[in-house]
N, C-alpha and C. Protein backbone atom coordinates (compact mmCIF):
# COMPACT_ATOMS: atom_id res chain seq x y z
N UNK A 1 -54.33 44.95 13.19
CA UNK A 1 -54.18 44.60 14.60
C UNK A 1 -53.98 43.13 14.55
N UNK A 2 -55.32 42.69 14.31
CA UNK A 2 -55.12 40.95 14.16
C UNK A 2 -53.78 40.29 13.58
N UNK A 3 -53.61 40.79 12.49
CA UNK A 3 -52.52 40.39 11.84
C UNK A 3 -51.46 40.12 12.87
N UNK A 4 -50.61 41.75 13.26
CA UNK A 4 -49.69 41.96 14.00
C UNK A 4 -49.72 40.79 15.24
N UNK A 5 -50.65 40.73 15.61
CA UNK A 5 -51.13 40.00 16.95
C UNK A 5 -50.38 38.21 16.66
N UNK A 6 -51.44 37.90 15.55
CA UNK A 6 -50.96 36.52 14.79
C UNK A 6 -49.37 36.29 14.92
N UNK A 7 -48.75 37.45 14.16
CA UNK A 7 -47.10 37.28 13.64
C UNK A 7 -46.80 36.78 15.20
N UNK A 8 -47.22 38.02 16.13
CA UNK A 8 -46.24 37.69 17.46
C UNK A 8 -46.57 36.45 18.22
N UNK A 9 -47.96 35.87 17.95
CA UNK A 9 -48.11 34.77 18.54
C UNK A 9 -47.27 33.56 17.70
N UNK A 10 -47.03 33.38 16.76
CA UNK A 10 -46.48 32.68 15.93
C UNK A 10 -44.96 32.64 16.34
N UNK A 11 -44.71 34.01 16.43
CA UNK A 11 -42.78 34.13 16.78
C UNK A 11 -42.94 33.21 18.26
N UNK A 12 -43.68 34.10 19.51
CA UNK A 12 -43.84 33.11 20.53
C UNK A 12 -43.64 31.91 20.77
N UNK A 13 -44.26 31.19 20.08
CA UNK A 13 -44.26 29.90 19.66
C UNK A 13 -43.17 29.25 19.20
N UNK A 14 -42.37 29.73 18.27
CA UNK A 14 -41.10 29.10 17.71
C UNK A 14 -40.13 29.29 18.50
N UNK A 15 -40.18 30.49 19.17
CA UNK A 15 -39.03 30.69 20.23
C UNK A 15 -39.06 29.44 21.41
N UNK A 16 -40.21 29.39 21.94
CA UNK A 16 -40.67 28.50 23.22
C UNK A 16 -40.37 27.01 22.51
N UNK A 17 -40.27 26.48 21.35
CA UNK A 17 -40.24 24.97 21.01
C UNK A 17 -39.27 24.40 21.42
N UNK A 18 -39.69 23.26 21.92
CA UNK A 18 -38.20 22.33 22.32
C UNK A 18 -37.03 22.43 21.58
N UNK A 19 -35.77 22.55 22.37
CA UNK A 19 -34.37 22.75 21.87
C UNK A 19 -34.11 24.06 21.44
N UNK A 20 -35.07 25.41 21.01
CA UNK A 20 -34.79 26.65 20.76
C UNK A 20 -34.12 27.35 21.49
N UNK A 21 -34.52 27.20 22.92
CA UNK A 21 -33.69 28.15 23.70
C UNK A 21 -32.70 27.34 24.96
N UNK A 22 -32.82 25.93 24.28
CA UNK A 22 -31.89 25.01 25.15
C UNK A 22 -30.38 25.55 25.15
N UNK A 23 -29.51 25.66 25.73
CA UNK A 23 -28.31 26.09 26.25
C UNK A 23 -27.66 24.95 25.67
N UNK A 24 -26.39 25.13 24.96
CA UNK A 24 -25.51 24.42 24.06
C UNK A 24 -24.87 23.56 25.12
N UNK A 25 -24.81 24.14 26.33
CA UNK A 25 -24.17 23.15 27.47
C UNK A 25 -24.55 21.81 27.73
N UNK A 26 -26.17 21.86 27.10
CA UNK A 26 -27.25 20.78 27.40
C UNK A 26 -26.36 19.17 26.60
N UNK A 27 -25.65 19.36 25.60
CA UNK A 27 -25.13 18.70 24.84
C UNK A 27 -24.27 17.80 25.23
N UNK A 28 -24.49 16.55 25.05
CA UNK A 28 -23.45 15.31 25.41
C UNK A 28 -21.83 15.99 24.69
N UNK A 29 -21.18 15.29 25.68
CA UNK A 29 -19.70 15.87 25.20
C UNK A 29 -19.09 14.69 23.89
N UNK A 30 -18.45 15.07 23.36
CA UNK A 30 -18.09 14.16 22.04
C UNK A 30 -16.94 13.42 22.44
N UNK A 31 -16.84 12.22 22.28
CA UNK A 31 -15.28 11.51 22.34
C UNK A 31 -14.71 11.41 21.35
N UNK A 32 -13.48 11.65 21.19
CA UNK A 32 -12.96 10.99 19.86
C UNK A 32 -11.77 10.08 20.00
N UNK A 33 -11.64 9.30 19.14
CA UNK A 33 -10.92 7.55 19.29
C UNK A 33 -9.81 7.80 18.17
N UNK A 34 -8.67 7.12 18.39
CA UNK A 34 -7.69 6.86 17.27
C UNK A 34 -7.85 5.78 17.26
N UNK A 35 -7.26 4.88 16.05
CA UNK A 35 -7.03 3.50 15.84
C UNK A 35 -5.69 3.21 16.13
N UNK A 36 -5.23 2.60 16.80
CA UNK A 36 -3.59 2.60 17.32
C UNK A 36 -3.13 1.25 17.85
N UNK A 37 -1.79 1.05 17.02
CA UNK A 37 -1.23 -0.36 17.33
C UNK A 37 -0.07 -0.09 18.36
N UNK A 38 -0.33 -0.86 19.73
CA UNK A 38 0.58 -1.07 20.53
C UNK A 38 1.49 -1.45 20.35
N UNK A 39 2.56 -1.52 21.47
CA UNK A 39 3.76 -2.41 21.62
C UNK A 39 4.55 -2.93 20.13
N UNK A 40 4.58 -2.24 19.01
CA UNK A 40 5.10 -1.75 17.85
C UNK A 40 6.18 -1.04 17.83
N UNK A 41 7.42 -1.58 17.21
CA UNK A 41 8.91 -0.94 17.38
C UNK A 41 8.80 -0.10 16.13
N UNK A 42 9.50 0.91 16.20
CA UNK A 42 9.68 2.05 14.95
C UNK A 42 10.73 1.67 14.24
N UNK A 43 11.54 0.63 14.64
CA UNK A 43 12.77 0.06 13.96
C UNK A 43 12.49 -1.32 13.42
N UNK A 44 12.17 -1.30 12.16
CA UNK A 44 12.22 -2.49 11.19
C UNK A 44 13.31 -3.20 10.88
N UNK A 45 13.50 -4.32 10.07
CA UNK A 45 14.28 -4.86 9.87
C UNK A 45 15.37 -4.13 8.61
N UNK A 46 16.50 -4.56 8.48
CA UNK A 46 17.54 -3.81 7.35
C UNK A 46 16.76 -3.43 6.18
N UNK A 47 16.82 -2.21 5.65
CA UNK A 47 16.05 -2.00 4.38
C UNK A 47 17.39 -2.75 3.41
N UNK A 48 17.20 -3.45 2.27
CA UNK A 48 17.44 -3.62 0.96
C UNK A 48 17.58 -2.48 -0.01
N UNK A 49 18.94 -2.46 -0.16
CA UNK A 49 19.30 -1.04 -0.83
C UNK A 49 18.53 -1.26 -2.49
N UNK A 50 18.62 -2.71 -2.91
CA UNK A 50 18.13 -2.57 -4.24
C UNK A 50 16.97 -3.02 -4.35
N UNK A 51 15.96 -3.33 -3.17
CA UNK A 51 14.57 -3.87 -2.90
C UNK A 51 13.61 -2.92 -3.64
N UNK A 52 12.49 -3.64 -4.03
CA UNK A 52 11.37 -2.74 -4.65
C UNK A 52 10.58 -1.54 -3.81
N UNK A 53 10.27 -0.61 -4.26
CA UNK A 53 9.51 0.09 -3.71
C UNK A 53 7.86 0.12 -4.03
N UNK A 54 7.24 0.17 -2.56
CA UNK A 54 5.65 -0.01 -2.66
C UNK A 54 4.74 1.27 -2.22
N UNK A 55 4.13 1.25 -3.16
CA UNK A 55 3.39 2.46 -3.41
C UNK A 55 1.64 1.99 -2.73
N UNK A 56 1.35 3.18 -1.83
CA UNK A 56 -0.08 2.36 -0.91
C UNK A 56 -1.12 3.44 -0.83
N UNK A 57 -2.41 3.03 -1.96
CA UNK A 57 -3.15 4.02 -2.37
C UNK A 57 -3.94 4.10 -0.48
N UNK A 58 -4.78 5.21 -0.73
CA UNK A 58 -5.47 5.70 0.00
C UNK A 58 -6.63 4.29 0.66
N UNK A 59 -6.83 3.54 1.54
CA UNK A 59 -7.78 2.63 1.56
C UNK A 59 -9.40 3.39 0.96
N UNK A 60 -10.25 2.82 0.53
CA UNK A 60 -11.57 3.24 0.11
C UNK A 60 -12.60 2.32 1.22
N UNK A 61 -13.55 2.93 1.78
CA UNK A 61 -14.18 2.37 2.75
C UNK A 61 -15.59 2.23 2.13
N UNK A 62 -16.21 0.60 2.99
CA UNK A 62 -17.26 0.15 2.40
C UNK A 62 -18.42 1.29 2.42
N UNK A 63 -19.24 1.50 1.53
CA UNK A 63 -20.16 2.19 2.06
C UNK A 63 -20.89 2.16 3.18
N UNK A 64 -21.26 3.15 3.76
CA UNK A 64 -21.64 3.44 5.33
C UNK A 64 -20.79 3.43 6.14
N UNK A 65 -19.39 3.38 5.80
CA UNK A 65 -18.12 3.72 6.56
C UNK A 65 -17.37 4.76 6.48
N UNK A 66 -17.76 5.66 5.85
CA UNK A 66 -16.88 6.50 4.65
C UNK A 66 -16.91 7.94 5.99
N UNK A 67 -17.51 7.65 6.96
CA UNK A 67 -17.61 8.68 8.35
C UNK A 67 -16.83 8.45 9.60
N UNK A 68 -16.43 9.38 10.39
CA UNK A 68 -16.09 9.74 11.71
C UNK A 68 -17.02 8.85 12.24
N UNK A 69 -18.07 8.56 12.15
CA UNK A 69 -19.14 8.43 13.39
C UNK A 69 -18.73 6.58 13.73
N UNK A 70 -18.90 6.20 14.34
CA UNK A 70 -18.45 4.99 14.76
C UNK A 70 -19.59 3.84 14.63
N UNK A 71 -19.40 2.78 14.02
CA UNK A 71 -20.56 2.02 13.64
C UNK A 71 -20.79 1.07 14.89
N UNK A 72 -22.08 0.57 15.17
CA UNK A 72 -22.31 -0.68 15.59
C UNK A 72 -23.26 -1.14 15.36
N UNK A 73 -23.71 -2.34 15.43
CA UNK A 73 -24.80 -3.39 14.89
C UNK A 73 -25.52 -4.14 15.92
N UNK A 74 -26.79 -4.06 15.86
CA UNK A 74 -27.51 -4.89 16.83
C UNK A 74 -28.35 -5.80 16.59
N UNK A 75 -28.78 -5.67 14.85
CA UNK A 75 -28.99 -7.09 13.70
C UNK A 75 -28.38 -6.75 12.76
N UNK A 76 -28.28 -7.77 12.35
CA UNK A 76 -27.61 -7.99 10.59
C UNK A 76 -28.57 -7.18 9.75
N UNK A 77 -27.52 -6.62 9.27
CA UNK A 77 -27.88 -5.45 7.86
C UNK A 77 -27.95 -3.92 8.01
N UNK A 78 -28.18 -3.67 9.38
CA UNK A 78 -28.55 -2.72 9.83
C UNK A 78 -27.31 -1.58 10.48
N UNK A 79 -26.94 -0.94 10.07
CA UNK A 79 -25.90 0.09 10.50
C UNK A 79 -26.55 1.36 11.54
N UNK A 80 -25.82 1.31 12.59
CA UNK A 80 -26.22 2.70 13.55
C UNK A 80 -25.05 3.18 13.90
N UNK A 81 -24.99 4.28 14.60
CA UNK A 81 -24.25 5.15 14.89
C UNK A 81 -24.40 5.88 16.28
N UNK A 82 -23.02 5.62 17.14
CA UNK A 82 -23.07 6.11 18.29
C UNK A 82 -23.22 7.45 18.03
N UNK A 83 -24.13 8.21 18.94
CA UNK A 83 -24.18 9.82 19.22
C UNK A 83 -22.96 10.66 19.45
N UNK A 84 -22.89 10.57 20.77
CA UNK A 84 -21.43 11.19 21.43
C UNK A 84 -20.00 10.28 21.12
N UNK A 85 -19.75 9.34 20.71
CA UNK A 85 -18.21 9.24 20.06
C UNK A 85 -18.04 8.88 18.70
N UNK A 86 -16.69 9.38 18.36
CA UNK A 86 -16.64 9.15 16.68
C UNK A 86 -14.98 8.94 16.79
N UNK A 87 -14.52 8.70 15.59
CA UNK A 87 -13.01 8.72 15.31
C UNK A 87 -12.29 10.17 15.23
N UNK A 88 -10.96 9.70 14.84
CA UNK A 88 -10.63 11.40 14.39
C UNK A 88 -10.84 11.47 13.27
N UNK A 89 -11.21 10.43 12.51
CA UNK A 89 -10.93 10.52 10.83
C UNK A 89 -11.63 9.31 10.50
N UNK A 90 -11.96 9.03 9.38
CA UNK A 90 -12.61 7.84 8.99
C UNK A 90 -11.67 6.91 9.29
N UNK A 91 -12.38 5.48 9.84
CA UNK A 91 -11.49 4.54 10.09
C UNK A 91 -10.40 4.07 9.23
N UNK A 92 -10.98 3.97 8.12
CA UNK A 92 -10.26 4.17 6.78
C UNK A 92 -8.79 4.86 6.45
N UNK A 93 -9.06 6.42 6.74
CA UNK A 93 -7.88 6.99 7.01
C UNK A 93 -6.98 7.24 7.73
N UNK A 94 -7.40 6.64 8.94
CA UNK A 94 -6.71 6.12 10.29
C UNK A 94 -5.82 5.03 10.09
N UNK A 95 -6.21 3.92 9.34
CA UNK A 95 -5.84 2.77 8.82
C UNK A 95 -4.37 2.80 7.85
N UNK A 96 -4.43 3.85 7.18
CA UNK A 96 -3.65 4.24 6.16
C UNK A 96 -2.07 4.18 6.85
N UNK A 97 -1.77 5.13 7.47
CA UNK A 97 -0.31 5.02 7.90
C UNK A 97 0.07 4.15 8.73
N UNK A 98 -1.05 3.18 9.44
CA UNK A 98 -0.46 2.21 9.96
C UNK A 98 -0.22 0.90 9.03
N UNK A 99 -0.60 0.97 8.12
CA UNK A 99 -0.90 -0.11 7.15
C UNK A 99 1.04 0.40 6.52
N UNK A 100 1.01 1.50 5.58
CA UNK A 100 2.34 2.20 5.48
C UNK A 100 3.62 1.69 6.40
N UNK A 101 3.08 1.78 8.03
CA UNK A 101 4.38 1.85 8.83
C UNK A 101 4.67 0.30 9.30
N UNK A 102 3.63 -0.33 9.19
CA UNK A 102 3.94 -2.00 9.14
C UNK A 102 4.74 -2.75 7.90
N UNK A 103 4.03 -2.13 6.90
CA UNK A 103 4.81 -2.72 5.69
C UNK A 103 6.37 -2.52 5.30
N UNK A 104 6.45 -1.17 6.12
CA UNK A 104 7.76 -0.68 6.08
C UNK A 104 8.92 -1.26 6.78
N UNK A 105 8.06 -2.07 7.90
CA UNK A 105 8.92 -2.59 9.00
C UNK A 105 9.63 -4.09 8.55
N UNK A 106 8.86 -4.80 7.29
CA UNK A 106 9.26 -6.10 7.31
C UNK A 106 10.61 -6.24 6.80
N UNK A 107 11.46 -5.21 6.11
CA UNK A 107 12.60 -5.60 5.46
C UNK A 107 12.71 -5.94 4.08
N UNK A 108 11.22 -6.05 3.42
CA UNK A 108 11.09 -6.45 2.14
C UNK A 108 11.26 -5.59 1.12
N UNK A 109 11.14 -4.18 1.25
CA UNK A 109 10.86 -2.88 0.49
C UNK A 109 11.83 -1.99 0.83
N UNK A 110 12.63 -1.36 -0.32
CA UNK A 110 13.15 -0.26 -0.11
C UNK A 110 12.86 1.10 0.82
N UNK A 111 11.43 0.85 0.19
CA UNK A 111 10.69 2.41 0.77
C UNK A 111 9.62 1.83 0.60
N UNK A 112 8.43 2.28 1.58
CA UNK A 112 6.86 2.08 1.27
C UNK A 112 6.29 3.71 1.43
N UNK A 113 5.67 3.99 0.63
CA UNK A 113 5.23 5.24 0.45
C UNK A 113 3.84 5.64 0.12
N UNK A 114 3.19 6.40 1.17
CA UNK A 114 1.61 6.74 0.72
C UNK A 114 1.46 7.52 -0.61
N UNK A 115 0.42 7.10 -1.33
CA UNK A 115 -0.48 7.90 -2.41
C UNK A 115 -1.15 9.09 -1.95
N UNK A 116 -0.90 10.16 -2.38
CA UNK A 116 0.03 10.47 -3.73
C UNK A 116 1.22 10.51 -3.66
N UNK A 117 2.06 10.45 -4.42
CA UNK A 117 3.21 10.75 -4.19
C UNK A 117 4.15 10.95 -5.44
N UNK A 118 5.36 11.50 -5.67
CA UNK A 118 6.07 12.00 -7.05
C UNK A 118 7.14 10.72 -6.92
N UNK A 119 7.21 9.68 -6.18
CA UNK A 119 7.69 8.66 -6.14
C UNK A 119 7.53 7.57 -7.31
N UNK A 120 8.15 6.95 -7.71
CA UNK A 120 8.23 6.26 -8.43
C UNK A 120 8.00 4.50 -8.01
N UNK A 121 7.42 4.06 -8.16
CA UNK A 121 6.82 2.09 -7.57
C UNK A 121 6.98 1.23 -8.48
N UNK A 122 7.63 0.25 -7.87
CA UNK A 122 7.31 -1.29 -8.80
C UNK A 122 6.28 -1.69 -8.21
N UNK A 123 5.50 -1.52 -7.34
CA UNK A 123 4.27 -2.49 -6.63
C UNK A 123 3.24 -1.19 -6.18
N UNK A 124 1.91 -1.32 -6.36
CA UNK A 124 1.29 -0.39 -5.55
C UNK A 124 0.14 -1.61 -4.80
N UNK A 125 -0.24 -0.87 -3.32
CA UNK A 125 -1.06 -1.65 -2.67
C UNK A 125 -2.63 -0.99 -2.61
N UNK A 126 -3.45 -1.47 -3.62
CA UNK A 126 -5.04 -1.00 -3.46
C UNK A 126 -5.52 -1.76 -2.28
N UNK A 127 -6.39 -1.10 -1.66
CA UNK A 127 -7.27 -1.48 -0.80
C UNK A 127 -8.37 -0.91 -0.64
N UNK A 128 -10.05 -1.88 -0.54
CA UNK A 128 -11.19 -1.53 -0.90
C UNK A 128 -11.91 -1.93 0.15
N UNK A 129 -13.14 -1.67 0.45
CA UNK A 129 -13.99 -2.34 1.18
C UNK A 129 -13.86 -2.23 2.68
N UNK A 130 -13.20 -1.11 3.07
CA UNK A 130 -12.74 -1.45 4.59
C UNK A 130 -14.03 -0.96 5.43
N UNK A 131 -14.26 -1.76 6.51
CA UNK A 131 -15.26 -1.45 7.36
C UNK A 131 -14.83 -2.05 8.60
N UNK A 132 -15.21 -1.23 10.01
CA UNK A 132 -14.91 -1.77 11.00
C UNK A 132 -16.35 -1.49 11.92
N UNK A 133 -16.45 -2.52 12.59
CA UNK A 133 -18.26 -2.35 13.48
C UNK A 133 -18.43 -3.14 14.84
N UNK A 134 -18.66 -2.50 15.62
CA UNK A 134 -19.08 -3.24 16.69
C UNK A 134 -20.41 -4.18 16.81
N UNK A 135 -20.28 -5.39 16.89
CA UNK A 135 -21.84 -6.28 16.77
C UNK A 135 -22.04 -6.50 18.20
N UNK A 136 -23.42 -6.36 18.39
CA UNK A 136 -23.73 -6.32 19.90
C UNK A 136 -24.92 -7.87 19.17
N UNK A 137 -24.36 -8.44 18.77
CA UNK A 137 -25.30 -9.72 17.83
C UNK A 137 -25.17 -10.96 19.32
N UNK A 138 -24.40 -10.81 20.24
CA UNK A 138 -23.88 -11.53 21.30
C UNK A 138 -23.26 -10.94 22.20
N UNK A 139 -23.05 -11.92 23.61
CA UNK A 139 -22.41 -10.97 24.49
C UNK A 139 -21.61 -12.01 24.64
N UNK A 140 -19.99 -11.43 24.90
CA UNK A 140 -19.75 -9.91 25.03
C UNK A 140 -19.70 -9.59 23.32
N UNK A 141 -20.25 -7.85 23.13
CA UNK A 141 -19.73 -7.56 22.00
C UNK A 141 -18.36 -8.00 21.46
N UNK A 142 -18.65 -7.98 19.96
CA UNK A 142 -16.92 -8.06 19.43
C UNK A 142 -16.94 -6.72 18.30
N UNK A 143 -15.85 -6.56 17.81
CA UNK A 143 -15.30 -5.87 16.76
C UNK A 143 -14.89 -6.55 15.50
N UNK A 144 -15.66 -6.11 14.49
CA UNK A 144 -15.33 -6.93 13.10
C UNK A 144 -14.48 -5.70 12.08
N UNK A 145 -13.36 -6.22 11.76
CA UNK A 145 -12.59 -5.21 10.82
C UNK A 145 -12.37 -6.15 9.47
N UNK A 146 -12.81 -5.66 8.29
CA UNK A 146 -12.58 -6.60 7.11
C UNK A 146 -11.97 -5.16 5.89
N UNK A 147 -11.31 -5.97 4.83
CA UNK A 147 -10.70 -5.35 3.58
C UNK A 147 -10.65 -6.04 2.49
N UNK A 148 -10.45 -5.72 1.65
CA UNK A 148 -9.83 -6.28 0.15
C UNK A 148 -8.60 -5.28 -0.36
N UNK A 149 -7.65 -6.62 -0.47
CA UNK A 149 -6.28 -5.97 -1.15
C UNK A 149 -6.15 -6.94 -2.35
N UNK A 150 -5.43 -5.54 -2.89
CA UNK A 150 -4.86 -6.31 -4.40
C UNK A 150 -3.59 -5.40 -4.51
N UNK A 151 -2.54 -6.33 -5.04
CA UNK A 151 -1.20 -6.12 -5.34
C UNK A 151 -0.75 -6.17 -6.82
N UNK A 152 -0.45 -4.88 -7.02
CA UNK A 152 -0.31 -4.78 -8.76
C UNK A 152 1.24 -4.60 -9.11
N UNK A 153 1.88 -4.78 -9.71
CA UNK A 153 3.08 -5.12 -10.55
C UNK A 153 3.06 -3.94 -11.34
N UNK A 154 3.52 -2.82 -11.23
CA UNK A 154 3.48 -1.37 -12.02
C UNK A 154 4.25 -1.72 -12.82
N UNK A 155 5.58 -2.54 -13.33
CA UNK A 155 6.37 -2.73 -14.15
C UNK A 155 5.60 -3.30 -14.97
N UNK A 156 5.24 -4.70 -14.63
CA UNK A 156 4.18 -5.33 -15.67
C UNK A 156 2.94 -5.18 -16.24
N UNK A 157 2.28 -4.23 -15.81
CA UNK A 157 1.25 -3.41 -15.43
C UNK A 157 0.17 -4.82 -15.42
N UNK A 158 0.00 -5.61 -13.93
CA UNK A 158 -0.76 -6.82 -13.84
C UNK A 158 -0.85 -7.02 -12.57
N UNK A 159 -1.97 -7.35 -11.97
CA UNK A 159 -2.45 -7.86 -11.00
C UNK A 159 -1.51 -8.87 -10.23
N UNK A 160 -0.89 -8.58 -9.56
CA UNK A 160 -0.36 -10.04 -8.75
C UNK A 160 -1.21 -10.73 -7.82
N UNK A 161 -1.86 -10.23 -7.45
CA UNK A 161 -2.84 -10.94 -5.98
C UNK A 161 -3.84 -10.19 -5.32
N UNK A 162 -5.28 -10.82 -5.24
CA UNK A 162 -6.10 -10.27 -4.52
C UNK A 162 -6.45 -11.15 -3.07
N UNK A 163 -6.49 -10.11 -1.97
CA UNK A 163 -6.99 -11.35 -1.28
C UNK A 163 -7.91 -10.36 0.06
N UNK A 164 -9.27 -11.05 0.38
CA UNK A 164 -9.87 -10.67 1.72
C UNK A 164 -9.45 -10.47 3.05
N UNK A 165 -9.35 -9.73 3.93
CA UNK A 165 -8.68 -9.82 4.97
C UNK A 165 -9.81 -9.81 6.11
N UNK A 166 -10.03 -10.46 7.36
CA UNK A 166 -11.27 -9.94 8.72
C UNK A 166 -10.49 -10.56 9.83
N UNK A 167 -10.59 -9.85 10.65
CA UNK A 167 -10.04 -10.05 11.99
C UNK A 167 -11.25 -9.38 13.03
N UNK A 168 -11.50 -10.45 13.96
CA UNK A 168 -12.72 -10.34 14.94
C UNK A 168 -11.94 -10.36 16.44
N UNK A 169 -12.40 -9.17 17.06
CA UNK A 169 -11.88 -9.27 18.62
C UNK A 169 -12.94 -8.98 19.47
N UNK A 170 -12.98 -9.61 20.63
CA UNK A 170 -13.99 -9.58 21.80
C UNK A 170 -13.59 -8.11 22.22
N UNK A 171 -14.67 -7.38 22.50
CA UNK A 171 -14.73 -6.23 23.23
C UNK A 171 -14.61 -6.14 24.59
N UNK A 172 -14.05 -5.62 25.67
CA UNK A 172 -13.67 -5.64 27.35
C UNK A 172 -15.00 -5.18 27.73
N UNK A 173 -15.97 -4.24 26.92
CA UNK A 173 -17.06 -3.41 27.79
C UNK A 173 -17.96 -3.45 26.89
N UNK A 174 -18.98 -3.18 27.13
CA UNK A 174 -20.31 -3.21 26.33
C UNK A 174 -20.58 -1.61 25.99
N UNK A 175 -19.77 -1.24 25.67
CA UNK A 175 -19.75 0.66 25.00
C UNK A 175 -18.82 0.82 24.06
N UNK A 176 -18.57 2.22 23.61
CA UNK A 176 -18.07 2.41 22.72
C UNK A 176 -16.76 2.25 22.72
N UNK A 177 -16.19 2.81 23.88
CA UNK A 177 -14.57 2.33 24.61
C UNK A 177 -14.31 1.09 24.11
N UNK A 178 -14.95 -0.07 25.02
CA UNK A 178 -14.83 -1.04 24.65
C UNK A 178 -14.52 -1.37 23.06
N UNK A 179 -15.38 -0.93 22.44
CA UNK A 179 -15.39 -1.22 21.04
C UNK A 179 -14.20 -0.61 20.28
N UNK A 180 -13.68 0.31 20.76
CA UNK A 180 -12.49 1.06 20.57
C UNK A 180 -11.25 0.17 20.83
N UNK A 181 -10.74 -0.28 22.02
CA UNK A 181 -10.17 -1.31 22.29
C UNK A 181 -10.26 -2.51 21.33
N UNK A 182 -11.09 -2.99 21.27
CA UNK A 182 -11.50 -4.14 20.34
C UNK A 182 -11.17 -4.01 18.54
N UNK A 183 -11.66 -2.68 18.62
CA UNK A 183 -11.15 -2.21 17.56
C UNK A 183 -9.53 -2.21 16.86
N UNK A 184 -8.61 -1.63 18.09
CA UNK A 184 -7.18 -1.61 18.15
C UNK A 184 -6.62 -2.91 17.99
N UNK A 185 -7.34 -3.57 18.57
CA UNK A 185 -6.92 -5.56 18.47
C UNK A 185 -6.83 -5.84 17.16
N UNK A 186 -8.32 -5.75 16.72
CA UNK A 186 -8.40 -6.11 15.16
C UNK A 186 -7.56 -5.63 14.19
N UNK A 187 -7.10 -4.30 14.31
CA UNK A 187 -6.24 -3.59 13.28
C UNK A 187 -4.87 -4.42 13.54
N UNK A 188 -4.33 -4.44 14.73
CA UNK A 188 -2.92 -5.07 14.90
C UNK A 188 -2.83 -6.31 13.73
N UNK A 189 -4.26 -7.50 14.25
CA UNK A 189 -4.59 -8.67 13.48
C UNK A 189 -4.29 -8.25 12.00
N UNK A 190 -5.10 -7.60 11.47
CA UNK A 190 -5.30 -7.51 10.12
C UNK A 190 -4.13 -7.18 9.68
N UNK A 191 -3.26 -6.29 10.10
CA UNK A 191 -1.89 -5.64 9.95
C UNK A 191 -1.03 -6.98 9.62
N UNK A 192 -0.98 -7.78 10.41
CA UNK A 192 -0.21 -8.68 10.47
C UNK A 192 -0.35 -9.69 9.13
N UNK A 193 -1.94 -9.75 9.38
CA UNK A 193 -2.14 -10.74 8.21
C UNK A 193 -1.73 -10.11 6.67
N UNK A 194 -2.04 -9.01 6.65
CA UNK A 194 -1.55 -8.08 5.46
C UNK A 194 -0.27 -8.09 4.98
N UNK A 195 0.51 -7.76 6.06
CA UNK A 195 1.81 -7.40 5.85
C UNK A 195 2.49 -9.29 5.42
N UNK A 196 1.92 -10.30 6.28
CA UNK A 196 2.44 -11.36 5.92
C UNK A 196 2.35 -11.57 4.25
N UNK A 197 1.00 -11.45 3.93
CA UNK A 197 0.47 -11.52 2.41
C UNK A 197 1.67 -11.00 1.68
N UNK A 198 1.86 -9.68 2.03
CA UNK A 198 2.85 -8.93 0.70
C UNK A 198 4.12 -9.42 0.76
N UNK A 199 4.49 -10.09 1.76
CA UNK A 199 6.37 -10.57 1.95
C UNK A 199 5.95 -12.12 0.87
N UNK A 200 4.68 -12.58 1.13
CA UNK A 200 4.78 -14.02 0.20
C UNK A 200 4.71 -13.68 -0.97
N UNK A 201 4.15 -12.30 -1.15
CA UNK A 201 4.11 -11.99 -2.80
C UNK A 201 5.39 -11.66 -3.70
N UNK A 202 5.92 -10.51 -2.67
CA UNK A 202 7.23 -9.54 -3.14
C UNK A 202 8.20 -10.96 -3.04
N UNK A 203 8.22 -11.92 -2.61
CA UNK A 203 9.24 -12.90 -2.54
C UNK A 203 8.60 -14.08 -3.38
N UNK A 204 7.64 -13.96 -3.95
CA UNK A 204 7.39 -14.76 -5.09
C UNK A 204 6.72 -16.51 -4.36
N UNK A 205 6.10 -16.51 -3.33
CA UNK A 205 5.95 -17.99 -2.95
C UNK A 205 4.49 -18.01 -2.99
N UNK A 206 4.04 -19.51 -2.82
CA UNK A 206 3.05 -19.89 -3.39
C UNK A 206 1.78 -19.00 -2.31
N UNK A 207 2.08 -19.06 -1.10
CA UNK A 207 1.16 -18.42 -0.36
C UNK A 207 0.39 -17.08 -0.44
N UNK A 208 1.41 -16.45 -1.64
CA UNK A 208 0.65 -15.35 -2.27
C UNK A 208 -0.99 -15.16 -2.36
N UNK A 209 -1.15 -16.61 -3.45
CA UNK A 209 -2.31 -16.57 -4.10
C UNK A 209 -3.00 -17.88 -3.38
N UNK A 210 -3.20 -17.91 -1.98
CA UNK A 210 -3.78 -18.67 -1.09
C UNK A 210 -4.81 -17.99 -0.85
C-alpha cells in the first residue's frame, strides 16, 4: 500500500509541475521574416550571347548563424537569439537567390545559375562566413552583414580573386522587426558591392583585386 501511494504522489507532482498542464495557447506567436530587396527591376541589361556562365555555390554561414533564429548582440563576442522571431530559412539560404538575381541583371553573364546544376560554367562564385546580426552595442541599434567571396575560373582552375564584404544599416526601431528592415538595407548594399566586384573581375579590371 505504501509503494502504491508513493507512486501516486509522484505522478501527481509531475503532472502539476510548471508547464506540464499549461495550454499550448500560452506560447508566444512566432513571427517569420524574409530577406528582401525592394525597388529592384526583374529586367536587367541585355544578356551577351557569347558571355561567360557564372555558377553560384550555396553560401556557407559563419558558425552560430546556420540557423533560422535571429541573432542579436548586447556585448561583444556573445550571440543571443530572439525567442519569438525567426527567418523563413537561414539567412545564408535566403541570400542565395538574391545574389543569383542581382548578378544576373548586370549584363556581364550569359546566365547565372545556382548550384547544384548540370550546367557547365566558366566561373564559380563561392561565399563563406555569411553572418547577419543586430547589434545593441549602441543606440540606435544596427545590423551588420558580412561575407567572404571567392571567384574561381573553372577553365583555368585558378582563383581569380577573394574579397570580404560588409554592410551596416541602422535599425529604425529597437526590436526584431527593426532588425529585419535594417537587414534588408544591408542586403541591398552587400549585393551592390559583390556584383560590382564581379563585374570588375570578369572585365579584367584592376578593381577586382583591391
